[in-house]
Amino acid sequence: MTNCIRGTVESMNYSACGLRVGDTFEVRDSQLSLPTGQSFCFYALASIVPLLNGHLARDDAWLEHRPLVACPDPPEALYIRLERVPPTGAES
């Protein structure tokens, strides 16, 4: 079974890098995917990637709580919700 974690921008004051509420990314078996034509802030991703280490390969309670992760720029108050989801696309 392919493991897939989705990050979704849930709320923010503003985004210096152009993210909008509802923007997403998926990490599937250590591969990052974005919807066609969408970009995602490198700094926001850099704050999330270390948290995913070890959680892709196992089912655990941490992701069941759908944690919120903050972007590293405090004035933005940008929060990304993480959750395990069924894989999308041809790989599912």
N, C-alpha and C. Protein backbone atom coordinates (compact mmCIF):
# COMPACT_ATOMS: atom_id res chain seq x y z
N MET A 1 0.84 -1.19 0.00
CA MET A 1 0.00 0.00 0.00
C MET A 1 0.88 1.25 0.00
N THR A 2 0.52 2.22 -0.79
CA THR A 2 1.24 3.47 -0.85
C THR A 2 0.73 4.39 0.24
N ASN A 3 1.65 4.96 1.01
CA ASN A 3 1.29 5.93 2.04
C ASN A 3 1.31 7.32 1.46
N CYS A 4 0.33 8.13 1.85
CA CYS A 4 0.23 9.48 1.31
C CYS A 4 -0.19 10.44 2.42
N ILE A 5 0.56 11.52 2.55
CA ILE A 5 0.23 12.57 3.51
C ILE A 5 0.00 13.85 2.72
N ARG A 6 -1.12 14.50 2.99
CA ARG A 6 -1.45 15.76 2.31
C ARG A 6 -1.30 16.91 3.30
N GLY A 7 -0.73 18.00 2.81
CA GLY A 7 -0.67 19.25 3.55
C GLY A 7 -1.56 20.25 2.85
N THR A 8 -2.42 20.90 3.61
CA THR A 8 -3.36 21.88 3.06
C THR A 8 -3.25 23.18 3.84
N VAL A 9 -3.07 24.30 3.14
CA VAL A 9 -3.05 25.60 3.81
C VAL A 9 -4.44 25.84 4.37
N GLU A 10 -4.50 25.99 5.70
CA GLU A 10 -5.80 26.12 6.37
C GLU A 10 -6.14 27.57 6.72
N SER A 11 -5.15 28.34 7.13
CA SER A 11 -5.43 29.73 7.50
C SER A 11 -4.13 30.53 7.45
N MET A 12 -4.28 31.87 7.40
CA MET A 12 -3.12 32.75 7.38
C MET A 12 -3.55 34.19 7.57
N ASN A 13 -2.61 35.03 8.00
CA ASN A 13 -2.80 36.48 7.95
C ASN A 13 -2.54 36.96 6.53
N TYR A 14 -1.45 36.49 5.96
CA TYR A 14 -1.06 36.78 4.58
C TYR A 14 0.01 35.78 4.20
N SER A 15 0.39 35.73 2.94
CA SER A 15 1.48 34.86 2.51
C SER A 15 2.45 35.66 1.66
N ALA A 16 3.68 35.78 2.13
CA ALA A 16 4.71 36.50 1.39
C ALA A 16 5.09 35.76 0.11
N CYS A 17 4.84 34.46 0.04
CA CYS A 17 5.25 33.68 -1.14
C CYS A 17 4.07 33.30 -2.03
N GLY A 18 2.90 33.87 -1.79
CA GLY A 18 1.78 33.68 -2.70
C GLY A 18 0.89 32.48 -2.44
N LEU A 19 1.03 31.82 -1.30
CA LEU A 19 0.12 30.71 -0.99
C LEU A 19 -1.26 31.24 -0.70
N ARG A 20 -2.26 30.39 -0.94
CA ARG A 20 -3.65 30.74 -0.64
C ARG A 20 -4.27 29.62 0.18
N VAL A 21 -5.27 29.95 0.96
CA VAL A 21 -6.01 28.94 1.71
C VAL A 21 -6.52 27.90 0.72
N GLY A 22 -6.30 26.64 1.03
CA GLY A 22 -6.72 25.55 0.15
C GLY A 22 -5.60 24.98 -0.70
N ASP A 23 -4.47 25.70 -0.84
CA ASP A 23 -3.33 25.15 -1.59
C ASP A 23 -2.85 23.87 -0.91
N THR A 24 -2.43 22.89 -1.71
CA THR A 24 -2.04 21.60 -1.16
C THR A 24 -0.73 21.09 -1.75
N PHE A 25 -0.18 20.11 -1.06
CA PHE A 25 0.91 19.29 -1.58
C PHE A 25 0.68 17.89 -1.02
N GLU A 26 1.27 16.89 -1.64
CA GLU A 26 1.21 15.52 -1.13
C GLU A 26 2.60 14.93 -1.12
N VAL A 27 2.88 14.15 -0.09
CA VAL A 27 4.11 13.37 -0.01
C VAL A 27 3.69 11.92 -0.03
N ARG A 28 4.15 11.22 -1.06
CA ARG A 28 3.78 9.82 -1.27
C ARG A 28 5.07 9.01 -1.36
N ASP A 29 5.29 8.16 -0.36
CA ASP A 29 6.49 7.32 -0.35
C ASP A 29 7.75 8.13 -0.65
N SER A 30 7.93 9.23 0.02
CA SER A 30 9.08 10.14 -0.05
C SER A 30 9.12 10.99 -1.33
N GLN A 31 8.09 11.00 -2.14
CA GLN A 31 8.03 11.83 -3.35
C GLN A 31 7.03 12.98 -3.13
N LEU A 32 7.44 14.20 -3.42
CA LEU A 32 6.60 15.38 -3.29
C LEU A 32 5.81 15.60 -4.56
N SER A 33 4.50 15.83 -4.43
CA SER A 33 3.63 16.11 -5.58
C SER A 33 2.83 17.38 -5.31
N LEU A 34 2.67 18.17 -6.37
CA LEU A 34 1.83 19.37 -6.32
C LEU A 34 0.79 19.29 -7.42
N PRO A 35 -0.38 19.89 -7.20
CA PRO A 35 -1.34 19.95 -8.31
C PRO A 35 -0.74 20.69 -9.50
N THR A 36 -1.14 20.32 -10.69
CA THR A 36 -0.62 20.93 -11.91
C THR A 36 -0.74 22.44 -11.86
N GLY A 37 0.36 23.12 -12.14
CA GLY A 37 0.36 24.57 -12.20
C GLY A 37 0.49 25.26 -10.85
N GLN A 38 0.56 24.52 -9.77
CA GLN A 38 0.65 25.11 -8.43
C GLN A 38 2.08 25.05 -7.92
N SER A 39 2.49 26.08 -7.21
CA SER A 39 3.78 26.05 -6.53
C SER A 39 3.51 26.01 -5.03
N PHE A 40 4.57 25.80 -4.25
CA PHE A 40 4.42 25.79 -2.80
C PHE A 40 5.69 26.36 -2.20
N CYS A 41 5.55 27.15 -1.17
CA CYS A 41 6.67 27.85 -0.55
C CYS A 41 7.71 26.87 0.01
N PHE A 42 8.95 27.03 -0.43
CA PHE A 42 10.06 26.19 0.03
C PHE A 42 10.23 26.28 1.55
N TYR A 43 10.09 27.46 2.13
CA TYR A 43 10.31 27.63 3.56
C TYR A 43 9.21 26.94 4.38
N ALA A 44 7.99 26.99 3.89
CA ALA A 44 6.91 26.27 4.56
C ALA A 44 7.16 24.76 4.49
N LEU A 45 7.56 24.29 3.31
CA LEU A 45 7.87 22.85 3.17
C LEU A 45 9.04 22.46 4.07
N ALA A 46 10.03 23.32 4.17
CA ALA A 46 11.20 23.01 5.00
C ALA A 46 10.83 22.87 6.47
N SER A 47 9.76 23.52 6.91
CA SER A 47 9.33 23.37 8.30
C SER A 47 8.53 22.09 8.52
N ILE A 48 8.03 21.50 7.45
CA ILE A 48 7.19 20.30 7.55
C ILE A 48 7.96 19.01 7.33
N VAL A 49 8.87 19.01 6.38
CA VAL A 49 9.57 17.77 5.99
C VAL A 49 10.18 17.03 7.18
N PRO A 50 10.87 17.70 8.10
CA PRO A 50 11.44 16.94 9.22
C PRO A 50 10.39 16.24 10.09
N LEU A 51 9.19 16.80 10.14
CA LEU A 51 8.12 16.19 10.93
C LEU A 51 7.61 14.89 10.31
N LEU A 52 7.76 14.77 9.00
CA LEU A 52 7.25 13.58 8.31
C LEU A 52 8.18 12.38 8.41
N ASN A 53 9.42 12.62 8.79
CA ASN A 53 10.39 11.55 8.89
C ASN A 53 9.86 10.43 9.79
N GLY A 54 9.72 9.25 9.23
CA GLY A 54 9.23 8.10 9.98
C GLY A 54 7.73 7.94 9.97
N HIS A 55 6.99 8.98 9.67
CA HIS A 55 5.53 8.87 9.68
C HIS A 55 4.97 8.38 8.36
N LEU A 56 5.75 8.42 7.30
CA LEU A 56 5.27 7.93 6.01
C LEU A 56 5.14 6.42 5.99
N ALA A 57 6.02 5.75 6.67
CA ALA A 57 6.09 4.30 6.58
C ALA A 57 5.21 3.57 7.59
N ARG A 58 4.57 4.29 8.48
CA ARG A 58 3.76 3.60 9.48
C ARG A 58 2.48 4.37 9.77
N ASP A 59 1.50 3.65 10.23
CA ASP A 59 0.27 4.27 10.69
C ASP A 59 0.43 4.55 12.17
N ASP A 60 0.21 5.78 12.57
CA ASP A 60 0.31 6.11 13.99
C ASP A 60 -0.68 7.20 14.35
N ALA A 61 -0.86 7.39 15.63
CA ALA A 61 -1.88 8.31 16.12
C ALA A 61 -1.56 9.77 15.83
N TRP A 62 -0.29 10.09 15.65
CA TRP A 62 0.08 11.48 15.44
C TRP A 62 -0.67 12.09 14.25
N LEU A 63 -0.71 11.38 13.14
CA LEU A 63 -1.41 11.91 11.96
C LEU A 63 -2.92 11.79 12.08
N GLU A 64 -3.40 10.89 12.88
CA GLU A 64 -4.85 10.76 13.08
C GLU A 64 -5.44 12.02 13.70
N HIS A 65 -4.61 12.79 14.41
CA HIS A 65 -5.07 14.04 15.02
C HIS A 65 -5.02 15.22 14.06
N ARG A 66 -4.56 14.96 12.82
CA ARG A 66 -4.50 15.99 11.78
C ARG A 66 -3.80 17.27 12.29
N PRO A 67 -2.51 17.17 12.61
CA PRO A 67 -1.80 18.30 13.22
C PRO A 67 -1.70 19.52 12.30
N LEU A 68 -1.63 20.68 12.93
CA LEU A 68 -1.37 21.94 12.24
C LEU A 68 0.10 22.28 12.39
N VAL A 69 0.72 22.72 11.31
CA VAL A 69 2.13 23.11 11.33
C VAL A 69 2.20 24.57 10.89
N ALA A 70 2.97 25.36 11.62
CA ALA A 70 3.09 26.78 11.31
C ALA A 70 4.24 27.04 10.36
N CYS A 71 4.04 27.95 9.45
CA CYS A 71 5.11 28.46 8.60
C CYS A 71 6.13 29.14 9.50
N PRO A 72 7.42 29.14 9.16
CA PRO A 72 8.42 29.73 10.04
C PRO A 72 8.41 31.26 10.14
N ASP A 73 7.56 31.96 9.37
CA ASP A 73 7.48 33.41 9.45
C ASP A 73 6.29 33.80 10.33
N PRO A 74 6.51 34.11 11.62
CA PRO A 74 5.41 34.33 12.55
C PRO A 74 4.36 35.36 12.12
N PRO A 75 4.71 36.52 11.52
CA PRO A 75 3.66 37.47 11.16
C PRO A 75 2.66 36.92 10.13
N GLU A 76 3.09 35.97 9.31
CA GLU A 76 2.17 35.38 8.33
C GLU A 76 1.07 34.59 9.01
N ALA A 77 1.38 33.98 10.14
CA ALA A 77 0.43 33.11 10.86
C ALA A 77 -0.22 32.12 9.89
N LEU A 78 0.63 31.52 9.04
CA LEU A 78 0.17 30.58 8.03
C LEU A 78 0.24 29.16 8.61
N TYR A 79 -0.88 28.46 8.59
CA TYR A 79 -0.96 27.12 9.17
C TYR A 79 -1.34 26.10 8.11
N ILE A 80 -0.64 24.98 8.14
CA ILE A 80 -0.86 23.90 7.19
C ILE A 80 -1.33 22.67 7.95
N ARG A 81 -2.45 22.11 7.54
CA ARG A 81 -3.01 20.91 8.16
C ARG A 81 -2.41 19.68 7.48
N LEU A 82 -1.91 18.74 8.26
CA LEU A 82 -1.38 17.48 7.73
C LEU A 82 -2.37 16.36 8.00
N GLU A 83 -2.54 15.48 7.01
CA GLU A 83 -3.43 14.34 7.21
C GLU A 83 -3.05 13.22 6.25
N ARG A 84 -3.29 12.01 6.70
CA ARG A 84 -3.07 10.84 5.84
C ARG A 84 -4.31 10.71 4.95
N VAL A 85 -4.07 10.53 3.66
CA VAL A 85 -5.17 10.43 2.69
C VAL A 85 -4.92 9.27 1.75
N PRO A 86 -5.98 8.78 1.09
CA PRO A 86 -5.75 7.78 0.05
C PRO A 86 -4.95 8.41 -1.08
N PRO A 87 -4.01 7.69 -1.68
CA PRO A 87 -3.22 8.26 -2.77
C PRO A 87 -4.10 8.61 -3.96
N THR A 88 -3.70 9.67 -4.68
CA THR A 88 -4.44 10.09 -5.87
C THR A 88 -3.59 9.79 -7.09
N GLY A 89 -4.18 9.87 -8.24
CA GLY A 89 -3.43 9.70 -9.49
C GLY A 89 -3.22 8.24 -9.86
N ALA A 90 -2.36 8.03 -10.83
CA ALA A 90 -2.12 6.71 -11.40
C ALA A 90 -1.44 5.76 -10.45
N GLU A 91 -0.73 6.29 -9.43
CA GLU A 91 0.00 5.43 -8.51
C GLU A 91 -0.88 4.76 -7.48
N SER A 92 -2.14 5.15 -7.33
CA SER A 92 -3.01 4.60 -6.28
C SER A 92 -3.49 3.27 -6.58
